[in-house]
N, C-alpha and C. Protein backbone atom coordinates (compact mmCIF):
# COMPACT_ATOMS: atom_id res chain seq x y z
N MET A 1 -19.75 10.34 11.91
CA MET A 1 -19.51 10.84 10.58
C MET A 1 -18.44 11.94 10.62
N LYS A 2 -18.51 12.81 11.64
CA LYS A 2 -17.54 13.89 11.76
C LYS A 2 -16.13 13.35 11.97
N LYS A 3 -16.00 12.29 12.77
CA LYS A 3 -14.69 11.68 13.00
C LYS A 3 -14.14 11.08 11.71
N LEU A 4 -15.01 10.47 10.92
CA LEU A 4 -14.59 9.87 9.64
C LEU A 4 -14.09 10.96 8.69
N LEU A 5 -14.78 12.08 8.66
CA LEU A 5 -14.38 13.19 7.80
C LEU A 5 -13.04 13.76 8.24
N ILE A 6 -12.84 13.91 9.54
CA ILE A 6 -11.57 14.41 10.07
C ILE A 6 -10.45 13.43 9.74
N LEU A 7 -10.70 12.15 9.92
CA LEU A 7 -9.71 11.13 9.59
C LEU A 7 -9.35 11.17 8.11
N LEU A 8 -10.33 11.31 7.24
CA LEU A 8 -10.09 11.39 5.80
C LEU A 8 -9.23 12.60 5.46
N VAL A 9 -9.53 13.74 6.06
CA VAL A 9 -8.73 14.95 5.82
C VAL A 9 -7.30 14.75 6.27
N ILE A 10 -7.10 14.13 7.44
CA ILE A 10 -5.76 13.85 7.96
C ILE A 10 -5.00 12.93 7.01
N ILE A 11 -5.66 11.89 6.54
CA ILE A 11 -5.03 10.94 5.63
C ILE A 11 -4.63 11.66 4.33
N ILE A 12 -5.52 12.43 3.79
CA ILE A 12 -5.23 13.12 2.53
C ILE A 12 -4.08 14.10 2.72
N LEU A 13 -4.09 14.85 3.80
CA LEU A 13 -2.99 15.77 4.06
C LEU A 13 -1.67 15.04 4.27
N SER A 14 -1.71 13.90 4.93
CA SER A 14 -0.51 13.10 5.12
C SER A 14 0.04 12.62 3.79
N ILE A 15 -0.84 12.19 2.92
CA ILE A 15 -0.40 11.69 1.62
C ILE A 15 0.16 12.83 0.77
N VAL A 16 -0.52 13.97 0.79
CA VAL A 16 -0.01 15.13 0.05
C VAL A 16 1.38 15.51 0.57
N SER A 17 1.53 15.54 1.89
CA SER A 17 2.84 15.86 2.48
C SER A 17 3.87 14.84 2.05
N TYR A 18 3.51 13.59 2.05
CA TYR A 18 4.42 12.54 1.63
C TYR A 18 4.88 12.76 0.19
N PHE A 19 3.92 13.01 -0.72
CA PHE A 19 4.28 13.21 -2.12
C PHE A 19 5.20 14.42 -2.29
N ILE A 20 4.89 15.48 -1.59
CA ILE A 20 5.73 16.68 -1.70
C ILE A 20 7.13 16.40 -1.16
N PHE A 21 7.20 15.78 -0.01
CA PHE A 21 8.50 15.50 0.60
C PHE A 21 9.29 14.50 -0.23
N PHE A 22 8.65 13.43 -0.66
CA PHE A 22 9.32 12.39 -1.45
C PHE A 22 9.81 12.97 -2.78
N HIS A 23 8.95 13.74 -3.41
CA HIS A 23 9.32 14.33 -4.70
C HIS A 23 10.51 15.28 -4.54
N SER A 24 10.51 16.08 -3.50
CA SER A 24 11.59 17.04 -3.31
C SER A 24 12.91 16.35 -3.02
N LYS A 25 12.91 15.17 -2.41
CA LYS A 25 14.14 14.43 -2.14
C LYS A 25 14.72 13.83 -3.41
N ASN A 26 13.88 13.57 -4.40
CA ASN A 26 14.33 12.88 -5.59
C ASN A 26 14.34 13.74 -6.84
N SER A 27 14.29 15.03 -6.67
CA SER A 27 14.23 15.92 -7.82
C SER A 27 15.05 17.16 -7.55
N THR A 28 15.70 17.66 -8.57
CA THR A 28 16.42 18.91 -8.41
C THR A 28 15.51 20.09 -8.65
N GLU A 29 14.31 19.86 -9.15
CA GLU A 29 13.36 20.92 -9.38
C GLU A 29 12.72 21.33 -8.06
N GLU A 30 12.35 22.60 -7.99
CA GLU A 30 11.62 23.06 -6.82
C GLU A 30 10.20 22.53 -6.90
N VAL A 31 9.67 22.14 -5.75
CA VAL A 31 8.32 21.62 -5.72
C VAL A 31 7.37 22.76 -5.44
N ASN A 32 6.38 22.88 -6.27
CA ASN A 32 5.34 23.88 -6.08
C ASN A 32 4.15 23.17 -5.48
N ILE A 33 3.79 23.52 -4.26
CA ILE A 33 2.72 22.81 -3.55
C ILE A 33 1.42 22.86 -4.33
N SER A 34 1.22 23.87 -5.17
CA SER A 34 -0.03 23.96 -5.92
C SER A 34 -0.09 22.92 -7.04
N ASN A 35 1.06 22.27 -7.34
CA ASN A 35 1.07 21.23 -8.38
C ASN A 35 0.37 19.95 -7.93
N VAL A 36 0.24 19.73 -6.64
CA VAL A 36 -0.40 18.53 -6.13
C VAL A 36 -1.70 18.95 -5.46
N SER A 37 -2.80 18.67 -6.11
CA SER A 37 -4.08 19.06 -5.55
C SER A 37 -4.68 17.91 -4.75
N LEU A 38 -5.56 18.28 -3.85
CA LEU A 38 -6.26 17.24 -3.08
C LEU A 38 -7.09 16.37 -4.01
N ASP A 39 -7.56 16.94 -5.09
CA ASP A 39 -8.32 16.16 -6.07
C ASP A 39 -7.46 15.08 -6.70
N GLU A 40 -6.19 15.42 -7.01
CA GLU A 40 -5.28 14.43 -7.59
C GLU A 40 -4.98 13.31 -6.61
N VAL A 41 -4.75 13.68 -5.37
CA VAL A 41 -4.47 12.68 -4.33
C VAL A 41 -5.70 11.81 -4.13
N SER A 42 -6.84 12.44 -4.06
CA SER A 42 -8.09 11.69 -3.88
C SER A 42 -8.34 10.75 -5.05
N ALA A 43 -8.07 11.21 -6.27
CA ALA A 43 -8.24 10.37 -7.45
C ALA A 43 -7.29 9.19 -7.42
N LYS A 44 -6.05 9.42 -6.99
CA LYS A 44 -5.07 8.33 -6.91
C LYS A 44 -5.52 7.30 -5.87
N LEU A 45 -6.03 7.76 -4.74
CA LEU A 45 -6.50 6.83 -3.71
C LEU A 45 -7.74 6.07 -4.18
N GLU A 46 -8.64 6.73 -4.87
CA GLU A 46 -9.82 6.06 -5.39
C GLU A 46 -9.44 5.00 -6.43
N LEU A 47 -8.48 5.34 -7.30
CA LEU A 47 -8.00 4.37 -8.27
C LEU A 47 -7.36 3.19 -7.55
N GLY A 48 -6.51 3.48 -6.56
CA GLY A 48 -5.87 2.43 -5.79
C GLY A 48 -6.88 1.53 -5.09
N LYS A 49 -7.91 2.15 -4.54
CA LYS A 49 -8.94 1.37 -3.85
C LYS A 49 -9.68 0.45 -4.84
N ALA A 50 -10.05 0.99 -5.99
CA ALA A 50 -10.75 0.19 -7.00
C ALA A 50 -9.87 -0.96 -7.48
N LEU A 51 -8.59 -0.67 -7.74
CA LEU A 51 -7.66 -1.72 -8.17
C LEU A 51 -7.42 -2.74 -7.07
N TYR A 52 -7.36 -2.27 -5.83
CA TYR A 52 -7.20 -3.20 -4.70
C TYR A 52 -8.37 -4.18 -4.68
N TYR A 53 -9.59 -3.66 -4.78
CA TYR A 53 -10.77 -4.54 -4.74
C TYR A 53 -10.78 -5.53 -5.90
N THR A 54 -10.28 -5.11 -7.05
CA THR A 54 -10.24 -5.97 -8.22
C THR A 54 -9.15 -7.03 -8.12
N HIS A 55 -7.97 -6.65 -7.64
CA HIS A 55 -6.80 -7.54 -7.73
C HIS A 55 -6.33 -8.13 -6.41
N CYS A 56 -6.76 -7.57 -5.28
CA CYS A 56 -6.16 -7.97 -4.00
C CYS A 56 -7.17 -8.44 -2.95
N ALA A 57 -8.36 -7.89 -2.98
CA ALA A 57 -9.33 -8.13 -1.89
C ALA A 57 -9.77 -9.59 -1.77
N SER A 58 -9.74 -10.35 -2.86
CA SER A 58 -10.21 -11.75 -2.78
C SER A 58 -9.35 -12.54 -1.80
N CYS A 59 -8.10 -12.18 -1.62
CA CYS A 59 -7.24 -12.86 -0.66
C CYS A 59 -7.03 -12.03 0.62
N HIS A 60 -6.77 -10.74 0.44
CA HIS A 60 -6.42 -9.91 1.59
C HIS A 60 -7.62 -9.28 2.30
N GLY A 61 -8.81 -9.44 1.75
CA GLY A 61 -10.03 -8.99 2.39
C GLY A 61 -10.46 -7.60 1.98
N ASP A 62 -11.77 -7.37 2.05
CA ASP A 62 -12.35 -6.08 1.67
C ASP A 62 -11.82 -4.94 2.55
N ASN A 63 -11.50 -5.26 3.79
CA ASN A 63 -11.01 -4.24 4.73
C ASN A 63 -9.51 -4.38 4.98
N LEU A 64 -8.82 -5.04 4.06
CA LEU A 64 -7.38 -5.26 4.13
C LEU A 64 -7.00 -6.06 5.39
N GLN A 65 -7.94 -6.83 5.92
CA GLN A 65 -7.74 -7.53 7.19
C GLN A 65 -6.98 -8.84 7.07
N GLY A 66 -6.75 -9.31 5.87
CA GLY A 66 -6.05 -10.58 5.68
C GLY A 66 -6.93 -11.76 6.05
N GLN A 67 -6.34 -12.92 6.04
CA GLN A 67 -7.09 -14.14 6.39
C GLN A 67 -6.78 -14.49 7.85
N PRO A 68 -7.79 -15.00 8.57
CA PRO A 68 -7.66 -15.20 10.02
C PRO A 68 -6.44 -16.02 10.47
N LYS A 69 -6.06 -17.01 9.74
CA LYS A 69 -4.97 -17.90 10.20
C LYS A 69 -3.62 -17.52 9.57
N TRP A 70 -3.45 -16.29 9.13
CA TRP A 70 -2.25 -15.90 8.37
C TRP A 70 -0.96 -16.13 9.14
N LYS A 71 -1.00 -16.07 10.46
CA LYS A 71 0.22 -16.23 11.25
C LYS A 71 0.45 -17.67 11.72
N THR A 72 -0.61 -18.43 11.80
CA THR A 72 -0.52 -19.68 12.55
C THR A 72 -0.57 -20.98 11.73
N SER A 73 -1.05 -20.92 10.51
CA SER A 73 -1.18 -22.17 9.77
C SER A 73 -1.13 -21.95 8.26
N LEU A 74 -1.13 -23.05 7.56
CA LEU A 74 -1.11 -23.03 6.10
C LEU A 74 -2.48 -23.41 5.56
N ASP A 75 -2.78 -23.02 4.34
CA ASP A 75 -4.05 -23.38 3.74
C ASP A 75 -4.02 -24.82 3.24
N GLU A 76 -5.09 -25.26 2.60
CA GLU A 76 -5.20 -26.65 2.13
C GLU A 76 -4.17 -27.02 1.08
N ASP A 77 -3.58 -26.01 0.44
CA ASP A 77 -2.54 -26.27 -0.56
C ASP A 77 -1.13 -26.19 0.03
N GLY A 78 -1.05 -25.94 1.33
CA GLY A 78 0.25 -25.82 1.99
C GLY A 78 0.91 -24.45 1.87
N HIS A 79 0.11 -23.44 1.49
CA HIS A 79 0.62 -22.07 1.35
C HIS A 79 0.20 -21.22 2.54
N ASN A 80 0.96 -20.17 2.76
CA ASN A 80 0.60 -19.22 3.81
C ASN A 80 -0.71 -18.54 3.45
N TYR A 81 -1.49 -18.22 4.47
CA TYR A 81 -2.68 -17.41 4.25
C TYR A 81 -2.23 -15.97 4.01
N ALA A 82 -3.07 -15.20 3.35
CA ALA A 82 -2.75 -13.80 3.04
C ALA A 82 -2.71 -12.96 4.31
N PRO A 83 -1.65 -12.20 4.50
CA PRO A 83 -1.54 -11.36 5.70
C PRO A 83 -2.40 -10.11 5.57
N PRO A 84 -2.70 -9.47 6.69
CA PRO A 84 -3.44 -8.21 6.62
C PRO A 84 -2.53 -7.11 6.04
N LEU A 85 -3.15 -6.18 5.36
CA LEU A 85 -2.43 -5.05 4.78
C LEU A 85 -2.83 -3.74 5.44
N ASN A 86 -3.62 -3.84 6.51
CA ASN A 86 -4.18 -2.66 7.17
C ASN A 86 -3.33 -2.08 8.28
N GLY A 87 -2.09 -2.53 8.40
CA GLY A 87 -1.20 -2.02 9.44
C GLY A 87 -1.11 -2.94 10.64
N THR A 88 -1.92 -3.99 10.69
CA THR A 88 -1.86 -4.91 11.83
C THR A 88 -0.93 -6.09 11.56
N GLY A 89 -0.48 -6.22 10.34
CA GLY A 89 0.44 -7.29 9.97
C GLY A 89 1.85 -6.76 9.82
N HIS A 90 2.63 -7.41 8.99
CA HIS A 90 4.03 -7.04 8.82
C HIS A 90 4.30 -6.23 7.56
N THR A 91 3.28 -5.94 6.78
CA THR A 91 3.48 -5.26 5.50
C THR A 91 4.27 -3.98 5.65
N TRP A 92 3.96 -3.21 6.67
CA TRP A 92 4.61 -1.91 6.84
C TRP A 92 6.08 -2.01 7.20
N HIS A 93 6.57 -3.22 7.46
CA HIS A 93 7.99 -3.41 7.74
C HIS A 93 8.84 -3.45 6.48
N HIS A 94 8.20 -3.45 5.31
CA HIS A 94 8.90 -3.56 4.04
C HIS A 94 9.01 -2.19 3.35
N SER A 95 10.08 -2.00 2.61
CA SER A 95 10.27 -0.74 1.88
C SER A 95 9.23 -0.61 0.78
N GLU A 96 9.07 0.62 0.29
CA GLU A 96 8.15 0.84 -0.82
C GLU A 96 8.58 0.02 -2.04
N GLU A 97 9.87 -0.05 -2.29
CA GLU A 97 10.36 -0.82 -3.43
C GLU A 97 9.98 -2.29 -3.29
N GLN A 98 10.14 -2.86 -2.09
CA GLN A 98 9.77 -4.26 -1.88
C GLN A 98 8.27 -4.44 -2.07
N LEU A 99 7.48 -3.55 -1.50
CA LEU A 99 6.02 -3.67 -1.62
C LEU A 99 5.59 -3.54 -3.08
N TYR A 100 6.19 -2.60 -3.80
CA TYR A 100 5.91 -2.44 -5.21
C TYR A 100 6.19 -3.75 -5.95
N ASN A 101 7.37 -4.31 -5.75
CA ASN A 101 7.76 -5.53 -6.44
C ASN A 101 6.87 -6.72 -6.09
N ILE A 102 6.43 -6.81 -4.85
CA ILE A 102 5.53 -7.89 -4.44
C ILE A 102 4.18 -7.73 -5.11
N ILE A 103 3.64 -6.49 -5.11
CA ILE A 103 2.35 -6.27 -5.75
C ILE A 103 2.46 -6.55 -7.25
N ARG A 104 3.51 -6.05 -7.87
CA ARG A 104 3.66 -6.15 -9.32
C ARG A 104 4.04 -7.55 -9.77
N TYR A 105 5.05 -8.14 -9.12
CA TYR A 105 5.64 -9.39 -9.61
C TYR A 105 5.41 -10.60 -8.71
N GLY A 106 4.90 -10.39 -7.53
CA GLY A 106 4.70 -11.50 -6.60
C GLY A 106 5.95 -11.83 -5.81
N LEU A 107 5.81 -12.79 -4.90
CA LEU A 107 6.94 -13.15 -4.05
C LEU A 107 8.04 -13.90 -4.79
N LYS A 108 7.73 -14.38 -5.98
CA LYS A 108 8.73 -15.05 -6.79
C LYS A 108 9.88 -14.09 -7.14
N PHE A 109 9.60 -12.79 -7.11
CA PHE A 109 10.62 -11.77 -7.38
C PHE A 109 11.76 -11.90 -6.37
N TYR A 110 11.43 -12.29 -5.13
CA TYR A 110 12.43 -12.41 -4.07
C TYR A 110 12.86 -13.85 -3.80
N ASN A 111 12.09 -14.80 -4.30
CA ASN A 111 12.41 -16.20 -4.08
C ASN A 111 11.99 -16.98 -5.32
N GLU A 112 12.94 -17.30 -6.17
CA GLU A 112 12.61 -17.96 -7.44
C GLU A 112 11.91 -19.30 -7.26
N ASN A 113 12.01 -19.90 -6.08
CA ASN A 113 11.36 -21.18 -5.82
C ASN A 113 9.98 -21.02 -5.20
N TYR A 114 9.54 -19.79 -5.01
CA TYR A 114 8.23 -19.54 -4.40
C TYR A 114 7.12 -20.14 -5.25
N GLU A 115 6.23 -20.88 -4.61
CA GLU A 115 5.12 -21.50 -5.32
C GLU A 115 3.77 -21.17 -4.68
N GLY A 116 3.73 -20.11 -3.88
CA GLY A 116 2.49 -19.73 -3.22
C GLY A 116 1.52 -18.99 -4.12
N LYS A 117 0.55 -18.40 -3.51
CA LYS A 117 -0.53 -17.77 -4.26
C LYS A 117 -0.28 -16.30 -4.59
N MET A 118 0.69 -15.67 -3.95
CA MET A 118 0.98 -14.26 -4.26
C MET A 118 1.89 -14.21 -5.49
N GLN A 119 1.25 -14.30 -6.64
CA GLN A 119 1.98 -14.35 -7.91
C GLN A 119 2.18 -12.99 -8.54
N GLY A 120 1.54 -11.97 -8.01
CA GLY A 120 1.72 -10.63 -8.52
C GLY A 120 0.71 -10.26 -9.60
N ASN A 121 0.86 -9.05 -10.06
CA ASN A 121 -0.06 -8.48 -11.06
C ASN A 121 0.75 -7.76 -12.11
N ASP A 122 1.54 -8.49 -12.87
CA ASP A 122 2.46 -7.86 -13.80
C ASP A 122 1.79 -7.18 -14.98
N LYS A 123 0.50 -7.30 -15.10
CA LYS A 123 -0.23 -6.60 -16.17
C LYS A 123 -0.63 -5.19 -15.75
N LEU A 124 -0.47 -4.87 -14.48
CA LEU A 124 -0.79 -3.54 -13.99
C LEU A 124 0.31 -2.55 -14.42
N SER A 125 -0.07 -1.31 -14.65
CA SER A 125 0.92 -0.28 -14.97
C SER A 125 1.64 0.15 -13.68
N ASP A 126 2.75 0.84 -13.85
CA ASP A 126 3.45 1.38 -12.68
C ASP A 126 2.51 2.26 -11.86
N GLU A 127 1.76 3.12 -12.54
CA GLU A 127 0.84 4.01 -11.85
C GLU A 127 -0.20 3.22 -11.06
N ASP A 128 -0.70 2.13 -11.64
CA ASP A 128 -1.67 1.29 -10.95
C ASP A 128 -1.09 0.72 -9.66
N VAL A 129 0.12 0.20 -9.76
CA VAL A 129 0.75 -0.41 -8.57
C VAL A 129 0.98 0.63 -7.51
N TRP A 130 1.51 1.81 -7.89
CA TRP A 130 1.74 2.87 -6.90
C TRP A 130 0.42 3.35 -6.29
N SER A 131 -0.65 3.34 -7.08
CA SER A 131 -1.97 3.74 -6.56
C SER A 131 -2.47 2.72 -5.53
N ILE A 132 -2.29 1.45 -5.82
CA ILE A 132 -2.69 0.41 -4.85
C ILE A 132 -1.88 0.58 -3.56
N LEU A 133 -0.60 0.79 -3.71
CA LEU A 133 0.25 0.96 -2.52
C LEU A 133 -0.15 2.21 -1.74
N ALA A 134 -0.46 3.31 -2.43
CA ALA A 134 -0.90 4.53 -1.75
C ALA A 134 -2.19 4.26 -0.98
N TYR A 135 -3.12 3.52 -1.60
CA TYR A 135 -4.37 3.18 -0.90
C TYR A 135 -4.09 2.34 0.33
N ILE A 136 -3.27 1.31 0.20
CA ILE A 136 -2.95 0.45 1.34
C ILE A 136 -2.36 1.28 2.48
N LYS A 137 -1.39 2.12 2.16
CA LYS A 137 -0.75 2.93 3.19
C LYS A 137 -1.71 3.93 3.81
N SER A 138 -2.72 4.36 3.05
CA SER A 138 -3.66 5.36 3.56
C SER A 138 -4.56 4.81 4.65
N VAL A 139 -4.70 3.49 4.74
CA VAL A 139 -5.56 2.93 5.78
C VAL A 139 -4.79 2.54 7.03
N TRP A 140 -3.46 2.62 6.97
CA TRP A 140 -2.66 2.31 8.15
C TRP A 140 -2.94 3.34 9.24
N PRO A 141 -2.95 2.91 10.49
CA PRO A 141 -3.12 3.87 11.58
C PRO A 141 -2.00 4.92 11.52
N GLU A 142 -2.29 6.11 12.00
CA GLU A 142 -1.31 7.21 11.96
C GLU A 142 0.01 6.82 12.62
N SER A 143 -0.06 6.06 13.72
CA SER A 143 1.16 5.66 14.41
C SER A 143 2.03 4.78 13.52
N ILE A 144 1.43 3.90 12.74
CA ILE A 144 2.18 3.06 11.81
C ILE A 144 2.74 3.88 10.68
N GLN A 145 1.95 4.84 10.16
CA GLN A 145 2.44 5.70 9.09
C GLN A 145 3.68 6.47 9.54
N LYS A 146 3.66 6.97 10.77
CA LYS A 146 4.81 7.70 11.31
C LYS A 146 6.03 6.78 11.43
N LYS A 147 5.83 5.58 11.98
CA LYS A 147 6.92 4.62 12.09
C LYS A 147 7.48 4.29 10.71
N TYR A 148 6.60 4.10 9.76
CA TYR A 148 7.01 3.74 8.41
C TYR A 148 7.86 4.85 7.78
N LYS A 149 7.43 6.06 7.93
CA LYS A 149 8.19 7.19 7.38
C LYS A 149 9.57 7.27 8.00
N THR A 150 9.65 7.03 9.29
CA THR A 150 10.94 7.07 9.99
C THR A 150 11.81 5.89 9.55
N MET A 151 11.21 4.71 9.49
CA MET A 151 11.94 3.51 9.14
C MET A 151 12.48 3.56 7.73
N THR A 152 11.67 4.04 6.79
CA THR A 152 12.06 4.04 5.38
C THR A 152 12.75 5.33 4.98
N LYS A 153 12.82 6.28 5.89
CA LYS A 153 13.52 7.56 5.67
C LYS A 153 13.09 8.25 4.39
N HIS A 154 11.78 8.47 4.25
CA HIS A 154 11.26 9.20 3.07
C HIS A 154 11.62 10.63 3.18
């Protein structure tokens, strides 16, 4: 239980740091660290988690583990199985913009001929999509989070 609590604190602090750093790169305003509370970050992650379970878990799994054959075969309809989103798949290789567009609009956004099952969730608000993405990123191992930050140059 103590390890879980420490991990949760590390994740929350990482996310707060990310929001502060990302916001300061994209704004001419000075960032006041007191403007982002742990409660706000926690609420965003809880919203993202709830939305993930509602809109994503049926394919990507309750633990973001994806479907077992996601790399090796196609389903009965000839579509790819859902990949893991927990950092063990390729999701973290994509930019935030790409991940946002895939969650929101599906893979058809990048391939107009796409006929698979990842059709997106265009009824979600921007905040909902960013919350889902924040939740997904929060479960990635710390090593993947560090690589992602370096790769995407946040």
